[in-house]
């Protein structure tokens, strides 16, 4: 079924009015108390819930979570507008100008035939905006990113500077090297080296993912969902048997788990 044709500008304007009413006199006391600092956690939560909705493949869930995230974007913009800093309209105008500037191959007739051409154009545009030379290469990767995403972006940044293995085999060999170092750390008395070596091993695995064009964050999230789904099968099967995970044996749960994998 086709989506209804509506004026997005009017819809956003109406929504901004709703947010302002919530924060204004006679509005919601909770909304009126919020600040950019108090909203940070909610923004992250909504972003992750949107990712989960996208991965579910359910358009209705995606639409709902997009709305929840939009709420916080408008909310934050309104907070800054109250301070006299900028408005939501300025946010939209700013990103519009940025996208046009960073895509001259779309809007200005410049030619881009390869991924390297696209990367070069993007980096040149960022430099022209004053964002290309202020930080060292690795400092451009945000420390606020989830650890797996940050690790993958760091590997990409280092690779662009030529600090990389010539093929995936080098990355695989590094995984084996780190695995052996982790095993040796486990064999020794408990020490901080265990955590350090585990971190090294995870970082090496992310580099393998990068070589294979696999999103390590997405891969782990899919495995998490798979684990949850299979464990739900274990729980439901045990209920039918009049048992719970607490009363069942490990062998019984493992047998159900293996059956769920084959299902």
C-alpha atoms as a PDB file:
ATOM      1  CA  UNK A   1       0.000   0.000   0.000  1.00  0.00           C
ATOM      2  CA  UNK A   2       1.383   3.386  -0.983  1.00  0.00           C
ATOM      3  CA  UNK A   3       2.109   5.941   1.707  1.00  0.00           C
ATOM      4  CA  UNK A   4      -0.211   8.934   1.826  1.00  0.00           C
ATOM      5  CA  UNK A   5       1.128  12.008   0.073  1.00  0.00           C
ATOM      6  CA  UNK A   6       1.581  14.719   2.665  1.00  0.00           C
ATOM      7  CA  UNK A   7       3.578  17.921   2.915  1.00  0.00           C
ATOM      8  CA  UNK A   8       6.618  16.997   5.049  1.00  0.00           C
ATOM      9  CA  UNK A   9       7.354  20.654   5.740  1.00  0.00           C
ATOM     10  CA  UNK A  10       3.908  21.230   7.210  1.00  0.00           C
ATOM     11  CA  UNK A  11       4.130  18.032   9.232  1.00  0.00           C
ATOM     12  CA  UNK A  12       7.476  19.034  10.746  1.00  0.00           C
ATOM     13  CA  UNK A  13       6.214  22.559  11.468  1.00  0.00           C
ATOM     14  CA  UNK A  14       3.210  21.122  13.315  1.00  0.00           C
ATOM     15  CA  UNK A  15       5.462  18.795  15.283  1.00  0.00           C
ATOM     16  CA  UNK A  16       7.811  21.612  16.282  1.00  0.00           C
ATOM     17  CA  UNK A  17       4.737  23.435  17.589  1.00  0.00           C
ATOM     18  CA  UNK A  18       3.803  20.413  19.690  1.00  0.00           C
ATOM     19  CA  UNK A  19       7.291  20.256  21.244  1.00  0.00           C
ATOM     20  CA  UNK A  20       7.225  23.975  22.047  1.00  0.00           C
ATOM     21  CA  UNK A  21       3.831  23.633  23.686  1.00  0.00           C
ATOM     22  CA  UNK A  22       5.081  20.729  25.801  1.00  0.00           C
ATOM     23  CA  UNK A  23       7.965  22.874  27.034  1.00  0.00           C
ATOM     24  CA  UNK A  24       6.007  26.101  27.362  1.00  0.00           C
ATOM     25  CA  UNK A  25       3.701  27.511  30.070  1.00  0.00           C
ATOM     26  CA  UNK A  26       0.978  25.011  30.922  1.00  0.00           C
ATOM     27  CA  UNK A  27       2.939  22.229  29.225  1.00  0.00           C
ATOM     28  CA  UNK A  28       4.599  19.134  30.661  1.00  0.00           C
ATOM     29  CA  UNK A  29       6.772  19.695  33.783  1.00  0.00           C
ATOM     30  CA  UNK A  30       9.091  16.820  32.799  1.00  0.00           C
ATOM     31  CA  UNK A  31       9.670  18.211  29.304  1.00  0.00           C
ATOM     32  CA  UNK A  32      10.245  21.701  30.702  1.00  0.00           C
ATOM     33  CA  UNK A  33      13.023  20.423  32.982  1.00  0.00           C
ATOM     34  CA  UNK A  34      15.054  18.742  30.244  1.00  0.00           C
ATOM     35  CA  UNK A  35      18.446  20.007  29.084  1.00  0.00           C
ATOM     36  CA  UNK A  36      20.851  18.826  26.362  1.00  0.00           C
ATOM     37  CA  UNK A  37      22.783  16.930  29.048  1.00  0.00           C
ATOM     38  CA  UNK A  38      19.737  15.042  30.327  1.00  0.00           C
ATOM     39  CA  UNK A  39      18.679  14.066  26.795  1.00  0.00           C
ATOM     40  CA  UNK A  40      21.978  12.474  25.711  1.00  0.00           C
ATOM     41  CA  UNK A  41      21.147   9.023  27.041  1.00  0.00           C
ATOM     42  CA  UNK A  42      17.671   9.066  25.505  1.00  0.00           C
ATOM     43  CA  UNK A  43      19.085  10.000  22.093  1.00  0.00           C
ATOM     44  CA  UNK A  44      21.445   7.013  22.196  1.00  0.00           C
ATOM     45  CA  UNK A  45      18.679   4.669  23.311  1.00  0.00           C
ATOM     46  CA  UNK A  46      16.371   5.803  20.526  1.00  0.00           C
ATOM     47  CA  UNK A  47      19.131   5.439  17.933  1.00  0.00           C
ATOM     48  CA  UNK A  48      19.768   1.844  19.011  1.00  0.00           C
ATOM     49  CA  UNK A  49      16.048   1.070  19.024  1.00  0.00           C
ATOM     50  CA  UNK A  50      15.835   2.423  15.469  1.00  0.00           C
ATOM     51  CA  UNK A  51      18.671   0.118  14.389  1.00  0.00           C
ATOM     52  CA  UNK A  52      16.862  -2.802  16.006  1.00  0.00           C
ATOM     53  CA  UNK A  53      13.665  -1.880  14.167  1.00  0.00           C
ATOM     54  CA  UNK A  54      15.491  -1.709  10.826  1.00  0.00           C
ATOM     55  CA  UNK A  55      16.984  -5.136  11.430  1.00  0.00           C
ATOM     56  CA  UNK A  56      13.542  -6.519  12.295  1.00  0.00           C
ATOM     57  CA  UNK A  57      12.337  -5.690   8.776  1.00  0.00           C
ATOM     58  CA  UNK A  58       9.039  -4.339  10.154  1.00  0.00           C
ATOM     59  CA  UNK A  59       8.201  -1.003   8.446  1.00  0.00           C
ATOM     60  CA  UNK A  60       5.721  -0.048  11.183  1.00  0.00           C
ATOM     61  CA  UNK A  61       8.398  -0.422  13.850  1.00  0.00           C
ATOM     62  CA  UNK A  62      10.867   1.555  11.750  1.00  0.00           C
ATOM     63  CA  UNK A  63       8.327   4.358  11.300  1.00  0.00           C
ATOM     64  CA  UNK A  64       7.638   4.483  15.040  1.00  0.00           C
ATOM     65  CA  UNK A  65      11.311   4.534  16.002  1.00  0.00           C
ATOM     66  CA  UNK A  66      12.094   7.195  13.394  1.00  0.00           C
ATOM     67  CA  UNK A  67       9.431   9.312  15.051  1.00  0.00           C
ATOM     68  CA  UNK A  68      10.927   8.738  18.507  1.00  0.00           C
ATOM     69  CA  UNK A  69      14.362   9.779  17.274  1.00  0.00           C
ATOM     70  CA  UNK A  70      12.906  12.798  15.455  1.00  0.00           C
ATOM     71  CA  UNK A  71      11.320  13.868  18.742  1.00  0.00           C
ATOM     72  CA  UNK A  72      14.724  14.137  20.369  1.00  0.00           C
ATOM     73  CA  UNK A  73      16.275  15.931  17.394  1.00  0.00           C
ATOM     74  CA  UNK A  74      13.503  18.535  17.430  1.00  0.00           C
ATOM     75  CA  UNK A  75      13.586  18.684  21.231  1.00  0.00           C
ATOM     76  CA  UNK A  76      17.324  19.372  21.295  1.00  0.00           C
ATOM     77  CA  UNK A  77      17.050  21.968  18.556  1.00  0.00           C
ATOM     78  CA  UNK A  78      14.309  23.741  20.485  1.00  0.00           C
ATOM     79  CA  UNK A  79      16.460  23.797  23.616  1.00  0.00           C
ATOM     80  CA  UNK A  80      19.277  25.461  21.721  1.00  0.00           C
ATOM     81  CA  UNK A  81      16.869  27.872  20.069  1.00  0.00           C
ATOM     82  CA  UNK A  82      15.721  28.967  23.524  1.00  0.00           C
ATOM     83  CA  UNK A  83      19.349  29.811  24.252  1.00  0.00           C
ATOM     84  CA  UNK A  84      19.584  31.836  21.063  1.00  0.00           C
ATOM     85  CA  UNK A  85      22.041  29.430  19.410  1.00  0.00           C
ATOM     86  CA  UNK A  86      20.187  27.942  16.414  1.00  0.00           C
ATOM     87  CA  UNK A  87      16.802  26.606  15.299  1.00  0.00           C
ATOM     88  CA  UNK A  88      15.690  23.299  13.775  1.00  0.00           C
ATOM     89  CA  UNK A  89      15.341  25.107  10.451  1.00  0.00           C
ATOM     90  CA  UNK A  90      19.003  26.100  10.640  1.00  0.00           C
ATOM     91  CA  UNK A  91      19.904  22.461  11.334  1.00  0.00           C
ATOM     92  CA  UNK A  92      18.047  21.401   8.176  1.00  0.00           C
ATOM     93  CA  UNK A  93      19.553  24.214   6.095  1.00  0.00           C
ATOM     94  CA  UNK A  94      23.021  23.369   7.370  1.00  0.00           C
ATOM     95  CA  UNK A  95      22.887  19.694   6.479  1.00  0.00           C
ATOM     96  CA  UNK A  96      21.343  20.563   3.099  1.00  0.00           C
ATOM     97  CA  UNK A  97      24.250  22.868   2.266  1.00  0.00           C
ATOM     98  CA  UNK A  98      26.765  20.305   3.518  1.00  0.00           C
ATOM     99  CA  UNK A  99      25.347  17.481   1.383  1.00  0.00           C
ATOM    100  CA  UNK A 100      25.355  19.658  -1.740  1.00  0.00           C
ATOM    101  CA  UNK A 101      28.943  20.727  -1.071  1.00  0.00           C
ATOM    102  CA  UNK A 102      30.133  17.180  -0.421  1.00  0.00           C
ATOM    103  CA  UNK A 103      28.489  15.759  -3.552  1.00  0.00           C
ATOM    104  CA  UNK A 104      29.826  17.850  -6.459  1.00  0.00           C
ATOM    105  CA  UNK A 105      29.573  14.708  -8.607  1.00  0.00           C
ATOM    106  CA  UNK A 106      25.784  14.965  -8.162  1.00  0.00           C
ATOM    107  CA  UNK A 107      25.142  18.702  -7.963  1.00  0.00           C
ATOM    108  CA  UNK A 108      28.088  20.318  -9.765  1.00  0.00           C
ATOM    109  CA  UNK A 109      28.923  18.006 -12.659  1.00  0.00           C
ATOM    110  CA  UNK A 110      32.192  16.613 -11.240  1.00  0.00           C
ATOM    111  CA  UNK A 111      33.028  13.071 -12.279  1.00  0.00           C
ATOM    112  CA  UNK A 112      33.435  10.192  -9.811  1.00  0.00           C
ATOM    113  CA  UNK A 113      33.890   6.701 -11.215  1.00  0.00           C
ATOM    114  CA  UNK A 114      35.391   4.762  -8.302  1.00  0.00           C
ATOM    115  CA  UNK A 115      35.036   4.482  -4.537  1.00  0.00           C
ATOM    116  CA  UNK A 116      38.427   6.147  -4.256  1.00  0.00           C
ATOM    117  CA  UNK A 117      37.136   9.098  -6.281  1.00  0.00           C
ATOM    118  CA  UNK A 118      34.186   9.396  -3.911  1.00  0.00           C
ATOM    119  CA  UNK A 119      36.409   9.226  -0.829  1.00  0.00           C
ATOM    120  CA  UNK A 120      38.766  11.854  -2.278  1.00  0.00           C
ATOM    121  CA  UNK A 121      35.883  14.209  -3.063  1.00  0.00           C
ATOM    122  CA  UNK A 122      34.427  13.741   0.426  1.00  0.00           C
ATOM    123  CA  UNK A 123      37.746  14.369   2.191  1.00  0.00           C
ATOM    124  CA  UNK A 124      38.492  17.409   0.023  1.00  0.00           C
ATOM    125  CA  UNK A 125      35.098  18.886   0.857  1.00  0.00           C
ATOM    126  CA  UNK A 126      35.657  18.312   4.575  1.00  0.00           C
ATOM    127  CA  UNK A 127      39.032  20.017   4.324  1.00  0.00           C
ATOM    128  CA  UNK A 128      37.434  22.991   2.568  1.00  0.00           C
ATOM    129  CA  UNK A 129      34.942  23.194   5.417  1.00  0.00           C
ATOM    130  CA  UNK A 130      37.830  23.417   7.861  1.00  0.00           C
ATOM    131  CA  UNK A 131      37.349  19.862   9.133  1.00  0.00           C
ATOM    132  CA  UNK A 132      40.063  18.064   7.262  1.00  0.00           C
ATOM    133  CA  UNK A 133      43.315  19.120   8.924  1.00  0.00           C
ATOM    134  CA  UNK A 134      42.434  20.016  12.508  1.00  0.00           C
ATOM    135  CA  UNK A 135      42.872  16.487  13.881  1.00  0.00           C
ATOM    136  CA  UNK A 136      45.300  13.650  13.397  1.00  0.00           C
ATOM    137  CA  UNK A 137      43.935  10.839  11.230  1.00  0.00           C
ATOM    138  CA  UNK A 138      42.819   8.577  14.088  1.00  0.00           C
ATOM    139  CA  UNK A 139      41.484  11.443  16.189  1.00  0.00           C
ATOM    140  CA  UNK A 140      38.796  11.993  13.574  1.00  0.00           C
ATOM    141  CA  UNK A 141      37.103   8.785  14.758  1.00  0.00           C
ATOM    142  CA  UNK A 142      34.616   9.658  17.488  1.00  0.00           C
ATOM    143  CA  UNK A 143      35.261   8.064  20.877  1.00  0.00           C
ATOM    144  CA  UNK A 144      31.495   8.124  21.494  1.00  0.00           C
ATOM    145  CA  UNK A 145      30.928   5.347  18.941  1.00  0.00           C
ATOM    146  CA  UNK A 146      30.184   1.800  20.134  1.00  0.00           C
ATOM    147  CA  UNK A 147      33.493  -0.014  20.650  1.00  0.00           C
ATOM    148  CA  UNK A 148      33.159  -2.353  17.655  1.00  0.00           C
ATOM    149  CA  UNK A 149      32.225   0.496  15.324  1.00  0.00           C
ATOM    150  CA  UNK A 150      35.057   2.624  16.660  1.00  0.00           C
ATOM    151  CA  UNK A 151      37.539  -0.230  16.141  1.00  0.00           C
ATOM    152  CA  UNK A 152      36.390  -0.723  12.548  1.00  0.00           C
ATOM    153  CA  UNK A 153      36.596   3.005  11.763  1.00  0.00           C
ATOM    154  CA  UNK A 154      40.088   3.177  13.276  1.00  0.00           C
ATOM    155  CA  UNK A 155      41.198   0.274  11.109  1.00  0.00           C
ATOM    156  CA  UNK A 156      39.785   1.993   8.035  1.00  0.00           C
ATOM    157  CA  UNK A 157      41.541   5.255   8.912  1.00  0.00           C
ATOM    158  CA  UNK A 158      44.884   3.510   9.411  1.00  0.00           C
ATOM    159  CA  UNK A 159      44.448   1.565   6.154  1.00  0.00           C
ATOM    160  CA  UNK A 160      43.924   4.793   4.198  1.00  0.00           C
ATOM    161  CA  UNK A 161      47.355   5.876   5.425  1.00  0.00           C
ATOM    162  CA  UNK A 162      48.912   2.617   4.217  1.00  0.00           C
ATOM    163  CA  UNK A 163      49.167   1.025   7.673  1.00  0.00           C
ATOM    164  CA  UNK A 164      47.512  -2.281   6.827  1.00  0.00           C
ATOM    165  CA  UNK A 165      48.169  -5.845   5.725  1.00  0.00           C
ATOM    166  CA  UNK A 166      48.262  -6.470   1.969  1.00  0.00           C
ATOM    167  CA  UNK A 167      45.539  -9.130   2.257  1.00  0.00           C
ATOM    168  CA  UNK A 168      43.075 -10.663   4.692  1.00  0.00           C
ATOM    169  CA  UNK A 169      45.620 -13.410   5.438  1.00  0.00           C
ATOM    170  CA  UNK A 170      47.700 -10.933   7.432  1.00  0.00           C
ATOM    171  CA  UNK A 171      44.645 -10.053   9.509  1.00  0.00           C
ATOM    172  CA  UNK A 172      43.861 -13.729  10.051  1.00  0.00           C
ATOM    173  CA  UNK A 173      47.440 -14.403  11.161  1.00  0.00           C
ATOM    174  CA  UNK A 174      47.104 -11.535  13.644  1.00  0.00           C
ATOM    175  CA  UNK A 175      43.963 -13.141  15.081  1.00  0.00           C
ATOM    176  CA  UNK A 176      45.886 -16.385  15.598  1.00  0.00           C
ATOM    177  CA  UNK A 177      48.756 -14.497  17.237  1.00  0.00           C
ATOM    178  CA  UNK A 178      46.407 -12.658  19.607  1.00  0.00           C
ATOM    179  CA  UNK A 179      44.503 -15.862  20.364  1.00  0.00           C
ATOM    180  CA  UNK A 180      47.703 -17.575  21.487  1.00  0.00           C
ATOM    181  CA  UNK A 181      48.652 -14.573  23.633  1.00  0.00           C
ATOM    182  CA  UNK A 182      45.203 -14.647  25.233  1.00  0.00           C
ATOM    183  CA  UNK A 183      45.560 -18.372  25.939  1.00  0.00           C
ATOM    184  CA  UNK A 184      48.913 -17.747  27.636  1.00  0.00           C
ATOM    185  CA  UNK A 185      47.354 -14.982  29.734  1.00  0.00           C
ATOM    186  CA  UNK A 186      44.623 -17.380  30.846  1.00  0.00           C
ATOM    187  CA  UNK A 187      47.200 -19.962  31.849  1.00  0.00           C
ATOM    188  CA  UNK A 188      48.944 -17.437  34.131  1.00  0.00           C
ATOM    189  CA  UNK A 189      47.614 -16.223  37.500  1.00  0.00           C
ATOM    190  CA  UNK A 190      44.691 -13.764  37.192  1.00  0.00           C
ATOM    191  CA  UNK A 191      46.053 -10.411  36.052  1.00  0.00           C
ATOM    192  CA  UNK A 192      45.062  -7.326  34.054  1.00  0.00           C
ATOM    193  CA  UNK A 193      46.827  -8.907  31.062  1.00  0.00           C
ATOM    194  CA  UNK A 194      43.752 -11.097  30.510  1.00  0.00           C
ATOM    195  CA  UNK A 195      41.592  -8.080  29.778  1.00  0.00           C
ATOM    196  CA  UNK A 196      44.284  -6.473  27.632  1.00  0.00           C
ATOM    197  CA  UNK A 197      44.833  -9.604  25.548  1.00  0.00           C
ATOM    198  CA  UNK A 198      41.093 -10.114  25.103  1.00  0.00           C
ATOM    199  CA  UNK A 199      40.839  -6.556  23.823  1.00  0.00           C
ATOM    200  CA  UNK A 200      43.671  -7.195  21.377  1.00  0.00           C
ATOM    201  CA  UNK A 201      41.916 -10.337  20.140  1.00  0.00           C
ATOM    202  CA  UNK A 202      38.619  -8.506  19.604  1.00  0.00           C
ATOM    203  CA  UNK A 203      40.385  -5.705  17.741  1.00  0.00           C
ATOM    204  CA  UNK A 204      42.095  -8.251  15.489  1.00  0.00           C
ATOM    205  CA  UNK A 205      38.759  -9.910  14.695  1.00  0.00           C
ATOM    206  CA  UNK A 206      37.281  -6.527  13.756  1.00  0.00           C
ATOM    207  CA  UNK A 207      40.131  -6.056  11.274  1.00  0.00           C
ATOM    208  CA  UNK A 208      39.232  -9.367   9.646  1.00  0.00           C
ATOM    209  CA  UNK A 209      35.635  -8.150   9.369  1.00  0.00           C
ATOM    210  CA  UNK A 210      36.875  -4.944   7.747  1.00  0.00           C
ATOM    211  CA  UNK A 211      38.811  -6.873   5.094  1.00  0.00           C
ATOM    212  CA  UNK A 212      35.721  -8.952   4.334  1.00  0.00           C
ATOM    213  CA  UNK A 213      33.435  -5.879   4.183  1.00  0.00           C
ATOM    214  CA  UNK A 214      31.478  -7.220   7.155  1.00  0.00           C
ATOM    215  CA  UNK A 215      30.000  -4.782   9.651  1.00  0.00           C
ATOM    216  CA  UNK A 216      31.320  -6.203  12.928  1.00  0.00           C
ATOM    217  CA  UNK A 217      28.728  -4.364  15.026  1.00  0.00           C
ATOM    218  CA  UNK A 218      25.899  -5.686  12.866  1.00  0.00           C
ATOM    219  CA  UNK A 219      27.346  -9.198  12.862  1.00  0.00           C
ATOM    220  CA  UNK A 220      27.487  -9.291  16.653  1.00  0.00           C
ATOM    221  CA  UNK A 221      23.974  -7.856  16.976  1.00  0.00           C
ATOM    222  CA  UNK A 222      22.604 -10.579  14.681  1.00  0.00           C
ATOM    223  CA  UNK A 223      24.334 -13.224  16.780  1.00  0.00           C
ATOM    224  CA  UNK A 224      22.821 -11.703  19.924  1.00  0.00           C
ATOM    225  CA  UNK A 225      19.341 -11.831  18.382  1.00  0.00           C
ATOM    226  CA  UNK A 226      19.958 -15.431  17.315  1.00  0.00           C
ATOM    227  CA  UNK A 227      21.040 -16.374  20.846  1.00  0.00           C
ATOM    228  CA  UNK A 228      17.927 -14.754  22.349  1.00  0.00           C
ATOM    229  CA  UNK A 229      15.646 -16.507  19.845  1.00  0.00           C
ATOM    230  CA  UNK A 230      17.167 -19.928  20.519  1.00  0.00           C
ATOM    231  CA  UNK A 231      17.133 -19.470  24.282  1.00  0.00           C
ATOM    232  CA  UNK A 232      13.443 -18.588  24.061  1.00  0.00           C
ATOM    233  CA  UNK A 233      12.970 -21.970  22.352  1.00  0.00           C
ATOM    234  CA  UNK A 234      14.784 -23.615  25.255  1.00  0.00           C
ATOM    235  CA  UNK A 235      12.530 -21.871  27.781  1.00  0.00           C
ATOM    236  CA  UNK A 236       9.320 -22.689  25.914  1.00  0.00           C
ATOM    237  CA  UNK A 237      10.312 -26.335  25.476  1.00  0.00           C
ATOM    238  CA  UNK A 238      11.138 -26.685  29.152  1.00  0.00           C
ATOM    239  CA  UNK A 239       7.766 -25.169  30.106  1.00  0.00           C
ATOM    240  CA  UNK A 240       6.039 -27.881  28.036  1.00  0.00           C
ATOM    241  CA  UNK A 241       8.050 -30.436  29.991  1.00  0.00           C
ATOM    242  CA  UNK A 242       7.016 -28.887  33.288  1.00  0.00           C
ATOM    243  CA  UNK A 243      10.512 -27.547  33.933  1.00  0.00           C
ATOM    244  CA  UNK A 244      12.412 -24.238  34.035  1.00  0.00           C
ATOM    245  CA  UNK A 245      16.032 -23.345  33.260  1.00  0.00           C
ATOM    246  CA  UNK A 246      16.653 -23.379  36.998  1.00  0.00           C
ATOM    247  CA  UNK A 247      15.360 -26.952  37.459  1.00  0.00           C
ATOM    248  CA  UNK A 248      16.599 -28.471  34.193  1.00  0.00           C
ATOM    249  CA  UNK A 249      20.076 -29.926  33.789  1.00  0.00           C
ATOM    250  CA  UNK A 250      22.674 -28.418  31.501  1.00  0.00           C
ATOM    251  CA  UNK A 251      22.515 -31.567  29.369  1.00  0.00           C
ATOM    252  CA  UNK A 252      18.747 -31.162  28.905  1.00  0.00           C
ATOM    253  CA  UNK A 253      19.093 -27.517  27.903  1.00  0.00           C
ATOM    254  CA  UNK A 254      21.988 -28.292  25.552  1.00  0.00           C
ATOM    255  CA  UNK A 255      19.938 -30.967  23.793  1.00  0.00           C
ATOM    256  CA  UNK A 256      17.076 -28.498  23.204  1.00  0.00           C
ATOM    257  CA  UNK A 257      19.583 -25.867  22.069  1.00  0.00           C
ATOM    258  CA  UNK A 258      21.100 -28.198  19.479  1.00  0.00           C
ATOM    259  CA  UNK A 259      17.626 -29.122  18.211  1.00  0.00           C
ATOM    260  CA  UNK A 260      16.766 -25.409  17.909  1.00  0.00           C
ATOM    261  CA  UNK A 261      19.909 -24.857  15.807  1.00  0.00           C
ATOM    262  CA  UNK A 262      18.754 -27.511  13.359  1.00  0.00           C
ATOM    263  CA  UNK A 263      15.203 -26.122  13.216  1.00  0.00           C
END
